[in-house]
Amino acid sequence: MTRKELIERVRAGLGDEALGDRRVAAVIDRVFEEIAASLREEGRYTHPGFGTFTVRVQSARTGRNPRTGEAIALDEGRTIAFKPAPDLKASLLDQ
């Protein structure tokens, strides 16, 4: 799904033609900004019935250059993990 499709589906789901695409897009953008802020500040965001996003720390390690096979040091990094809620998981399995 693209951003535009998400905006159209949200607007249609609200059943309110008075809300234009720009207003719906602004709300969606704001929601994602708040989720990102929660991840930065608290390291997690949970939405009941959907799932939990968490920040995970990847420790420093030694990797290999795939082209040359040379060992290289990889610094500590951060990534985002997602664990789906049981309801979401079950809805995907029911398809």
PDB file of N, CA and C in Angstrom:
ATOM      1  N   MET A   1       0.851  -1.169   0.000  1.00  0.00           N
ATOM      2  CA  MET A   1       0.000   0.000   0.000  1.00  0.00           C
ATOM      3  C   MET A   1       0.897   1.233   0.000  1.00  0.00           C
ATOM      4  N   THR A   2       0.526   2.205  -0.785  1.00  0.00           N
ATOM      5  CA  THR A   2       1.274   3.458  -0.835  1.00  0.00           C
ATOM      6  C   THR A   2       0.658   4.466   0.137  1.00  0.00           C
ATOM      7  N   ARG A   3       1.381   5.548   0.349  1.00  0.00           N
ATOM      8  CA  ARG A   3       0.888   6.623   1.224  1.00  0.00           C
ATOM      9  C   ARG A   3      -0.455   7.158   0.702  1.00  0.00           C
ATOM     10  N   LYS A   4      -0.528   7.348  -0.601  1.00  0.00           N
ATOM     11  CA  LYS A   4      -1.755   7.877  -1.204  1.00  0.00           C
ATOM     12  C   LYS A   4      -2.927   6.918  -0.976  1.00  0.00           C
ATOM     13  N   GLU A   5      -2.693   5.633  -1.136  1.00  0.00           N
ATOM     14  CA  GLU A   5      -3.749   4.645  -0.910  1.00  0.00           C
ATOM     15  C   GLU A   5      -4.190   4.641   0.552  1.00  0.00           C
ATOM     16  N   LEU A   6      -3.229   4.789   1.469  1.00  0.00           N
ATOM     17  CA  LEU A   6      -3.565   4.861   2.889  1.00  0.00           C
ATOM     18  C   LEU A   6      -4.458   6.065   3.168  1.00  0.00           C
ATOM     19  N   ILE A   7      -4.112   7.199   2.617  1.00  0.00           N
ATOM     20  CA  ILE A   7      -4.917   8.416   2.804  1.00  0.00           C
ATOM     21  C   ILE A   7      -6.332   8.195   2.285  1.00  0.00           C
ATOM     22  N   GLU A   8      -6.458   7.617   1.102  1.00  0.00           N
ATOM     23  CA  GLU A   8      -7.780   7.373   0.518  1.00  0.00           C
ATOM     24  C   GLU A   8      -8.611   6.404   1.366  1.00  0.00           C
ATOM     25  N   ARG A   9      -7.964   5.347   1.861  1.00  0.00           N
ATOM     26  CA  ARG A   9      -8.690   4.369   2.679  1.00  0.00           C
ATOM     27  C   ARG A   9      -9.128   4.956   4.016  1.00  0.00           C
ATOM     28  N   VAL A  10      -8.270   5.757   4.630  1.00  0.00           N
ATOM     29  CA  VAL A  10      -8.628   6.371   5.910  1.00  0.00           C
ATOM     30  C   VAL A  10      -9.788   7.330   5.707  1.00  0.00           C
ATOM     31  N   ARG A  11      -9.711   8.157   4.681  1.00  0.00           N
ATOM     32  CA  ARG A  11     -10.795   9.111   4.412  1.00  0.00           C
ATOM     33  C   ARG A  11     -12.096   8.378   4.125  1.00  0.00           C
ATOM     34  N   ALA A  12     -12.040   7.323   3.326  1.00  0.00           N
ATOM     35  CA  ALA A  12     -13.241   6.543   3.009  1.00  0.00           C
ATOM     36  C   ALA A  12     -13.777   5.845   4.259  1.00  0.00           C
ATOM     37  N   GLY A  13     -12.894   5.368   5.106  1.00  0.00           N
ATOM     38  CA  GLY A  13     -13.302   4.691   6.329  1.00  0.00           C
ATOM     39  C   GLY A  13     -13.978   5.613   7.316  1.00  0.00           C
ATOM     40  N   LEU A  14     -13.608   6.880   7.277  1.00  0.00           N
ATOM     41  CA  LEU A  14     -14.247   7.857   8.158  1.00  0.00           C
ATOM     42  C   LEU A  14     -15.632   8.225   7.661  1.00  0.00           C
ATOM     43  N   GLY A  15     -15.870   8.026   6.368  1.00  0.00           N
ATOM     44  CA  GLY A  15     -17.172   8.326   5.802  1.00  0.00           C
ATOM     45  C   GLY A  15     -17.500   9.806   5.801  1.00  0.00           C
ATOM     46  N   ASP A  16     -16.467  10.627   5.875  1.00  0.00           N
ATOM     47  CA  ASP A  16     -16.681  12.073   5.936  1.00  0.00           C
ATOM     48  C   ASP A  16     -16.006  12.723   4.745  1.00  0.00           C
ATOM     49  N   GLU A  17     -16.794  13.058   3.760  1.00  0.00           N
ATOM     50  CA  GLU A  17     -16.246  13.687   2.560  1.00  0.00           C
ATOM     51  C   GLU A  17     -15.779  15.114   2.818  1.00  0.00           C
ATOM     52  N   ALA A  18     -16.138  15.672   3.985  1.00  0.00           N
ATOM     53  CA  ALA A  18     -15.717  17.040   4.310  1.00  0.00           C
ATOM     54  C   ALA A  18     -14.219  17.096   4.584  1.00  0.00           C
ATOM     55  N   LEU A  19     -13.642  15.968   4.995  1.00  0.00           N
ATOM     56  CA  LEU A  19     -12.200  15.931   5.236  1.00  0.00           C
ATOM     57  C   LEU A  19     -11.497  15.718   3.903  1.00  0.00           C
ATOM     58  N   GLY A  20     -10.640  16.661   3.565  1.00  0.00           N
ATOM     59  CA  GLY A  20      -9.893  16.539   2.323  1.00  0.00           C
ATOM     60  C   GLY A  20      -8.656  15.686   2.506  1.00  0.00           C
ATOM     61  N   ASP A  21      -8.054  15.331   1.386  1.00  0.00           N
ATOM     62  CA  ASP A  21      -6.856  14.513   1.423  1.00  0.00           C
ATOM     63  C   ASP A  21      -5.736  15.173   2.224  1.00  0.00           C
ATOM     64  N   ARG A  22      -5.610  16.483   2.118  1.00  0.00           N
ATOM     65  CA  ARG A  22      -4.533  17.177   2.844  1.00  0.00           C
ATOM     66  C   ARG A  22      -4.696  17.079   4.354  1.00  0.00           C
ATOM     67  N   ARG A  23      -5.918  17.192   4.826  1.00  0.00           N
ATOM     68  CA  ARG A  23      -6.145  17.099   6.286  1.00  0.00           C
ATOM     69  C   ARG A  23      -5.908  15.681   6.789  1.00  0.00           C
ATOM     70  N   VAL A  24      -6.389  14.699   6.039  1.00  0.00           N
ATOM     71  CA  VAL A  24      -6.170  13.303   6.422  1.00  0.00           C
ATOM     72  C   VAL A  24      -4.677  12.997   6.381  1.00  0.00           C
ATOM     73  N   ALA A  25      -3.978  13.473   5.355  1.00  0.00           N
ATOM     74  CA  ALA A  25      -2.535  13.255   5.243  1.00  0.00           C
ATOM     75  C   ALA A  25      -1.805  13.887   6.420  1.00  0.00           C
ATOM     76  N   ALA A  26      -2.238  15.072   6.842  1.00  0.00           N
ATOM     77  CA  ALA A  26      -1.605  15.746   7.975  1.00  0.00           C
ATOM     78  C   ALA A  26      -1.784  14.941   9.257  1.00  0.00           C
ATOM     79  N   VAL A  27      -2.960  14.358   9.445  1.00  0.00           N
ATOM     80  CA  VAL A  27      -3.211  13.538  10.636  1.00  0.00           C
ATOM     81  C   VAL A  27      -2.341  12.283  10.605  1.00  0.00           C
ATOM     82  N   ILE A  28      -2.295  11.613   9.469  1.00  0.00           N
ATOM     83  CA  ILE A  28      -1.483  10.399   9.341  1.00  0.00           C
ATOM     84  C   ILE A  28      -0.010  10.716   9.586  1.00  0.00           C
ATOM     85  N   ASP A  29       0.482  11.802   8.983  1.00  0.00           N
ATOM     86  CA  ASP A  29       1.880  12.191   9.182  1.00  0.00           C
ATOM     87  C   ASP A  29       2.166  12.464  10.649  1.00  0.00           C
ATOM     88  N   ARG A  30       1.235  13.125  11.319  1.00  0.00           N
ATOM     89  CA  ARG A  30       1.416  13.444  12.741  1.00  0.00           C
ATOM     90  C   ARG A  30       1.461  12.173  13.589  1.00  0.00           C
ATOM     91  N   VAL A  31       0.630  11.205  13.259  1.00  0.00           N
ATOM     92  CA  VAL A  31       0.632   9.934  13.990  1.00  0.00           C
ATOM     93  C   VAL A  31       2.000   9.274  13.867  1.00  0.00           C
ATOM     94  N   PHE A  32       2.539   9.207  12.658  1.00  0.00           N
ATOM     95  CA  PHE A  32       3.844   8.582  12.469  1.00  0.00           C
ATOM     96  C   PHE A  32       4.964   9.383  13.140  1.00  0.00           C
ATOM     97  N   GLU A  33       4.843  10.699  13.173  1.00  0.00           N
ATOM     98  CA  GLU A  33       5.832  11.515  13.885  1.00  0.00           C
ATOM     99  C   GLU A  33       5.828  11.185  15.377  1.00  0.00           C
ATOM    100  N   GLU A  34       4.652  11.003  15.946  1.00  0.00           N
ATOM    101  CA  GLU A  34       4.549  10.669  17.374  1.00  0.00           C
ATOM    102  C   GLU A  34       5.069   9.267  17.669  1.00  0.00           C
ATOM    103  N   ILE A  35       4.832   8.324  16.770  1.00  0.00           N
ATOM    104  CA  ILE A  35       5.375   6.978  16.950  1.00  0.00           C
ATOM    105  C   ILE A  35       6.901   7.035  16.926  1.00  0.00           C
ATOM    106  N   ALA A  36       7.464   7.783  15.971  1.00  0.00           N
ATOM    107  CA  ALA A  36       8.922   7.919  15.885  1.00  0.00           C
ATOM    108  C   ALA A  36       9.477   8.591  17.139  1.00  0.00           C
ATOM    109  N   ALA A  37       8.784   9.607  17.643  1.00  0.00           N
ATOM    110  CA  ALA A  37       9.235  10.284  18.861  1.00  0.00           C
ATOM    111  C   ALA A  37       9.209   9.330  20.048  1.00  0.00           C
ATOM    112  N   SER A  38       8.191   8.493  20.133  1.00  0.00           N
ATOM    113  CA  SER A  38       8.105   7.518  21.212  1.00  0.00           C
ATOM    114  C   SER A  38       9.259   6.526  21.134  1.00  0.00           C
ATOM    115  N   LEU A  39       9.605   6.102  19.939  1.00  0.00           N
ATOM    116  CA  LEU A  39      10.735   5.183  19.779  1.00  0.00           C
ATOM    117  C   LEU A  39      12.051   5.838  20.187  1.00  0.00           C
ATOM    118  N   ARG A  40      12.216   7.107  19.818  1.00  0.00           N
ATOM    119  CA  ARG A  40      13.452   7.826  20.196  1.00  0.00           C
ATOM    120  C   ARG A  40      13.534   8.037  21.701  1.00  0.00           C
ATOM    121  N   GLU A  41      12.427   8.436  22.325  1.00  0.00           N
ATOM    122  CA  GLU A  41      12.445   8.804  23.738  1.00  0.00           C
ATOM    123  C   GLU A  41      12.311   7.612  24.679  1.00  0.00           C
ATOM    124  N   GLU A  42      11.420   6.683  24.359  1.00  0.00           N
ATOM    125  CA  GLU A  42      11.129   5.579  25.273  1.00  0.00           C
ATOM    126  C   GLU A  42      11.656   4.230  24.788  1.00  0.00           C
ATOM    127  N   GLY A  43      12.009   4.154  23.518  1.00  0.00           N
ATOM    128  CA  GLY A  43      12.518   2.908  22.975  1.00  0.00           C
ATOM    129  C   GLY A  43      11.452   1.906  22.591  1.00  0.00           C
ATOM    130  N   ARG A  44      10.180   2.300  22.665  1.00  0.00           N
ATOM    131  CA  ARG A  44       9.107   1.391  22.273  1.00  0.00           C
ATOM    132  C   ARG A  44       7.811   2.149  22.009  1.00  0.00           C
ATOM    133  N   TYR A  45       6.951   1.523  21.215  1.00  0.00           N
ATOM    134  CA  TYR A  45       5.605   2.027  20.984  1.00  0.00           C
ATOM    135  C   TYR A  45       4.693   0.808  20.862  1.00  0.00           C
ATOM    136  N   THR A  46       3.609   0.788  21.627  1.00  0.00           N
ATOM    137  CA  THR A  46       2.657  -0.316  21.596  1.00  0.00           C
ATOM    138  C   THR A  46       1.290   0.192  21.169  1.00  0.00           C
ATOM    139  N   HIS A  47       0.707  -0.500  20.219  1.00  0.00           N
ATOM    140  CA  HIS A  47      -0.664  -0.212  19.800  1.00  0.00           C
ATOM    141  C   HIS A  47      -1.472  -1.488  20.020  1.00  0.00           C
ATOM    142  N   PRO A  48      -2.361  -1.496  21.014  1.00  0.00           N
ATOM    143  CA  PRO A  48      -3.126  -2.709  21.320  1.00  0.00           C
ATOM    144  C   PRO A  48      -3.875  -3.231  20.095  1.00  0.00           C
ATOM    145  N   GLY A  49      -3.796  -4.510  19.890  1.00  0.00           N
ATOM    146  CA  GLY A  49      -4.468  -5.127  18.753  1.00  0.00           C
ATOM    147  C   GLY A  49      -3.649  -5.093  17.480  1.00  0.00           C
ATOM    148  N   PHE A  50      -2.570  -4.325  17.461  1.00  0.00           N
ATOM    149  CA  PHE A  50      -1.718  -4.248  16.281  1.00  0.00           C
ATOM    150  C   PHE A  50      -0.345  -4.833  16.563  1.00  0.00           C
ATOM    151  N   GLY A  51       0.342  -4.282  17.570  1.00  0.00           N
ATOM    152  CA  GLY A  51       1.654  -4.822  17.912  1.00  0.00           C
ATOM    153  C   GLY A  51       2.540  -3.815  18.611  1.00  0.00           C
ATOM    154  N   THR A  52       3.802  -4.210  18.793  1.00  0.00           N
ATOM    155  CA  THR A  52       4.761  -3.384  19.515  1.00  0.00           C
ATOM    156  C   THR A  52       6.021  -3.186  18.680  1.00  0.00           C
ATOM    157  N   PHE A  53       6.419  -1.927  18.558  1.00  0.00           N
ATOM    158  CA  PHE A  53       7.684  -1.573  17.934  1.00  0.00           C
ATOM    159  C   PHE A  53       8.682  -1.336  19.059  1.00  0.00           C
ATOM    160  N   THR A  54       9.881  -1.887  18.950  1.00  0.00           N
ATOM    161  CA  THR A  54      10.922  -1.653  19.946  1.00  0.00           C
ATOM    162  C   THR A  54      12.237  -1.340  19.249  1.00  0.00           C
ATOM    163  N   VAL A  55      13.068  -0.554  19.937  1.00  0.00           N
ATOM    164  CA  VAL A  55      14.407  -0.263  19.440  1.00  0.00           C
ATOM    165  C   VAL A  55      15.331  -1.329  20.003  1.00  0.00           C
ATOM    166  N   ARG A  56      16.080  -1.974  19.138  1.00  0.00           N
ATOM    167  CA  ARG A  56      17.044  -2.990  19.560  1.00  0.00           C
ATOM    168  C   ARG A  56      18.447  -2.511  19.241  1.00  0.00           C
ATOM    169  N   VAL A  57      19.353  -2.807  20.159  1.00  0.00           N
ATOM    170  CA  VAL A  57      20.750  -2.443  19.975  1.00  0.00           C
ATOM    171  C   VAL A  57      21.487  -3.658  19.426  1.00  0.00           C
ATOM    172  N   GLN A  58      22.187  -3.451  18.324  1.00  0.00           N
ATOM    173  CA  GLN A  58      23.030  -4.498  17.766  1.00  0.00           C
ATOM    174  C   GLN A  58      24.449  -4.227  18.231  1.00  0.00           C
ATOM    175  N   SER A  59      25.045  -5.173  18.899  1.00  0.00           N
ATOM    176  CA  SER A  59      26.378  -4.972  19.455  1.00  0.00           C
ATOM    177  C   SER A  59      27.420  -4.889  18.345  1.00  0.00           C
ATOM    178  N   ALA A  60      28.558  -4.278  18.687  1.00  0.00           N
ATOM    179  CA  ALA A  60      29.673  -4.185  17.749  1.00  0.00           C
ATOM    180  C   ALA A  60      30.155  -5.600  17.448  1.00  0.00           C
ATOM    181  N   ARG A  61      30.558  -5.816  16.214  1.00  0.00           N
ATOM    182  CA  ARG A  61      30.989  -7.155  15.821  1.00  0.00           C
ATOM    183  C   ARG A  61      31.943  -7.068  14.630  1.00  0.00           C
ATOM    184  N   THR A  62      32.501  -8.182  14.280  1.00  0.00           N
ATOM    185  CA  THR A  62      33.369  -8.254  13.118  1.00  0.00           C
ATOM    186  C   THR A  62      32.586  -8.823  11.960  1.00  0.00           C
ATOM    187  N   GLY A  63      32.628  -8.131  10.845  1.00  0.00           N
ATOM    188  CA  GLY A  63      31.952  -8.593   9.641  1.00  0.00           C
ATOM    189  C   GLY A  63      32.972  -8.860   8.555  1.00  0.00           C
ATOM    190  N   ARG A  64      32.507  -9.208   7.397  1.00  0.00           N
ATOM    191  CA  ARG A  64      33.403  -9.483   6.272  1.00  0.00           C
ATOM    192  C   ARG A  64      32.922  -8.720   5.049  1.00  0.00           C
ATOM    193  N   ASN A  65      33.879  -8.183   4.311  1.00  0.00           N
ATOM    194  CA  ASN A  65      33.584  -7.563   3.037  1.00  0.00           C
ATOM    195  C   ASN A  65      33.257  -8.697   2.072  1.00  0.00           C
ATOM    196  N   PRO A  66      32.035  -8.736   1.524  1.00  0.00           N
ATOM    197  CA  PRO A  66      31.665  -9.869   0.678  1.00  0.00           C
ATOM    198  C   PRO A  66      32.484  -9.953  -0.615  1.00  0.00           C
ATOM    199  N   ARG A  67      33.021  -8.849  -1.050  1.00  0.00           N
ATOM    200  CA  ARG A  67      33.784  -8.844  -2.292  1.00  0.00           C
ATOM    201  C   ARG A  67      35.197  -9.389  -2.097  1.00  0.00           C
ATOM    202  N   THR A  68      35.830  -8.969  -0.976  1.00  0.00           N
ATOM    203  CA  THR A  68      37.234  -9.351  -0.767  1.00  0.00           C
ATOM    204  C   THR A  68      37.417 -10.394   0.330  1.00  0.00           C
ATOM    205  N   GLY A  69      36.410 -10.554   1.188  1.00  0.00           N
ATOM    206  CA  GLY A  69      36.547 -11.481   2.308  1.00  0.00           C
ATOM    207  C   GLY A  69      37.313 -10.887   3.481  1.00  0.00           C
ATOM    208  N   GLU A  70      37.722  -9.635   3.354  1.00  0.00           N
ATOM    209  CA  GLU A  70      38.487  -8.953   4.399  1.00  0.00           C
ATOM    210  C   GLU A  70      37.607  -8.699   5.624  1.00  0.00           C
ATOM    211  N   ALA A  71      38.155  -8.929   6.820  1.00  0.00           N
ATOM    212  CA  ALA A  71      37.437  -8.670   8.065  1.00  0.00           C
ATOM    213  C   ALA A  71      37.351  -7.166   8.302  1.00  0.00           C
ATOM    214  N   ILE A  72      36.159  -6.698   8.699  1.00  0.00           N
ATOM    215  CA  ILE A  72      35.975  -5.283   9.017  1.00  0.00           C
ATOM    216  C   ILE A  72      35.218  -5.176  10.339  1.00  0.00           C
ATOM    217  N   ALA A  73      35.522  -4.119  11.080  1.00  0.00           N
ATOM    218  CA  ALA A  73      34.851  -3.889  12.363  1.00  0.00           C
ATOM    219  C   ALA A  73      33.554  -3.130  12.109  1.00  0.00           C
ATOM    220  N   LEU A  74      32.462  -3.666  12.619  1.00  0.00           N
ATOM    221  CA  LEU A  74      31.162  -3.012  12.512  1.00  0.00           C
ATOM    222  C   LEU A  74      30.821  -2.411  13.868  1.00  0.00           C
ATOM    223  N   ASP A  75      30.487  -1.131  13.865  1.00  0.00           N
ATOM    224  CA  ASP A  75      30.143  -0.433  15.098  1.00  0.00           C
ATOM    225  C   ASP A  75      28.788  -0.892  15.637  1.00  0.00           C
ATOM    226  N   GLU A  76      28.562  -0.559  16.895  1.00  0.00           N
ATOM    227  CA  GLU A  76      27.262  -0.811  17.502  1.00  0.00           C
ATOM    228  C   GLU A  76      26.215  -0.029  16.725  1.00  0.00           C
ATOM    229  N   GLY A  77      25.043  -0.603  16.549  1.00  0.00           N
ATOM    230  CA  GLY A  77      23.984   0.073  15.808  1.00  0.00           C
ATOM    231  C   GLY A  77      22.633  -0.147  16.462  1.00  0.00           C
ATOM    232  N   ARG A  78      21.649   0.539  15.953  1.00  0.00           N
ATOM    233  CA  ARG A  78      20.280   0.396  16.443  1.00  0.00           C
ATOM    234  C   ARG A  78      19.380   0.054  15.269  1.00  0.00           C
ATOM    235  N   THR A  79      18.368  -0.732  15.568  1.00  0.00           N
ATOM    236  CA  THR A  79      17.385  -1.092  14.566  1.00  0.00           C
ATOM    237  C   THR A  79      16.013  -1.151  15.236  1.00  0.00           C
ATOM    238  N   ILE A  80      14.972  -1.205  14.444  1.00  0.00           N
ATOM    239  CA  ILE A  80      13.619  -1.271  14.984  1.00  0.00           C
ATOM    240  C   ILE A  80      13.062  -2.662  14.713  1.00  0.00           C
ATOM    241  N   ALA A  81      12.499  -3.271  15.743  1.00  0.00           N
ATOM    242  CA  ALA A  81      11.871  -4.580  15.620  1.00  0.00           C
ATOM    243  C   ALA A  81      10.372  -4.416  15.847  1.00  0.00           C
ATOM    244  N   PHE A  82       9.604  -5.303  15.245  1.00  0.00           N
ATOM    245  CA  PHE A  82       8.147  -5.278  15.401  1.00  0.00           C
ATOM    246  C   PHE A  82       7.669  -6.654  15.814  1.00  0.00           C
ATOM    247  N   LYS A  83       6.838  -6.696  16.845  1.00  0.00           N
ATOM    248  CA  LYS A  83       6.211  -7.935  17.286  1.00  0.00           C
ATOM    249  C   LYS A  83       4.704  -7.755  17.149  1.00  0.00           C
ATOM    250  N   PRO A  84       4.071  -8.517  16.256  1.00  0.00           N
ATOM    251  CA  PRO A  84       2.635  -8.352  16.060  1.00  0.00           C
ATOM    252  C   PRO A  84       1.838  -8.830  17.272  1.00  0.00           C
ATOM    253  N   ALA A  85       0.716  -8.173  17.501  1.00  0.00           N
ATOM    254  CA  ALA A  85      -0.202  -8.580  18.567  1.00  0.00           C
ATOM    255  C   ALA A  85      -0.871  -9.893  18.163  1.00  0.00           C
ATOM    256  N   PRO A  86      -1.286 -10.677  19.137  1.00  0.00           N
ATOM    257  CA  PRO A  86      -1.953 -11.953  18.817  1.00  0.00           C
ATOM    258  C   PRO A  86      -3.156 -11.788  17.883  1.00  0.00           C
ATOM    259  N   ASP A  87      -3.940 -10.713  18.056  1.00  0.00           N
ATOM    260  CA  ASP A  87      -5.103 -10.483  17.192  1.00  0.00           C
ATOM    261  C   ASP A  87      -4.689 -10.289  15.736  1.00  0.00           C
ATOM    262  N   LEU A  88      -3.650  -9.506  15.511  1.00  0.00           N
ATOM    263  CA  LEU A  88      -3.170  -9.259  14.154  1.00  0.00           C
ATOM    264  C   LEU A  88      -2.625 -10.545  13.551  1.00  0.00           C
ATOM    265  N   LYS A  89      -1.847 -11.264  14.333  1.00  0.00           N
ATOM    266  CA  LYS A  89      -1.271 -12.523  13.864  1.00  0.00           C
ATOM    267  C   LYS A  89      -2.374 -13.503  13.462  1.00  0.00           C
ATOM    268  N   ALA A  90      -3.394 -13.613  14.290  1.00  0.00           N
ATOM    269  CA  ALA A  90      -4.504 -14.524  14.010  1.00  0.00           C
ATOM    270  C   ALA A  90      -5.261 -14.099  12.760  1.00  0.00           C
ATOM    271  N   SER A  91      -5.430 -12.795  12.553  1.00  0.00           N
ATOM    272  CA  SER A  91      -6.155 -12.326  11.371  1.00  0.00           C
ATOM    273  C   SER A  91      -5.384 -12.626  10.089  1.00  0.00           C
ATOM    274  N   LEU A  92      -4.067 -12.659  10.164  1.00  0.00           N
ATOM    275  CA  LEU A  92      -3.267 -12.979   8.999  1.00  0.00           C
ATOM    276  C   LEU A  92      -3.325 -14.471   8.669  1.00  0.00           C
ATOM    277  N   LEU A  93      -3.433 -15.274   9.714  1.00  0.00           N
ATOM    278  CA  LEU A  93      -3.486 -16.720   9.513  1.00  0.00           C
ATOM    279  C   LEU A  93      -4.839 -17.186   9.008  1.00  0.00           C
ATOM    280  N   ASP A  94      -5.885 -16.388   9.270  1.00  0.00           N
ATOM    281  CA  ASP A  94      -7.244 -16.759   8.869  1.00  0.00           C
ATOM    282  C   ASP A  94      -7.499 -16.537   7.384  1.00  0.00           C
ATOM    283  N   GLN A  95      -6.606 -15.904   6.691  1.00  0.00           N
ATOM    284  CA  GLN A  95      -6.854 -15.569   5.278  1.00  0.00           C
ATOM    285  C   GLN A  95      -6.848 -16.775   4.403  1.00  0.00           C
TER     286      GLN A  95
END
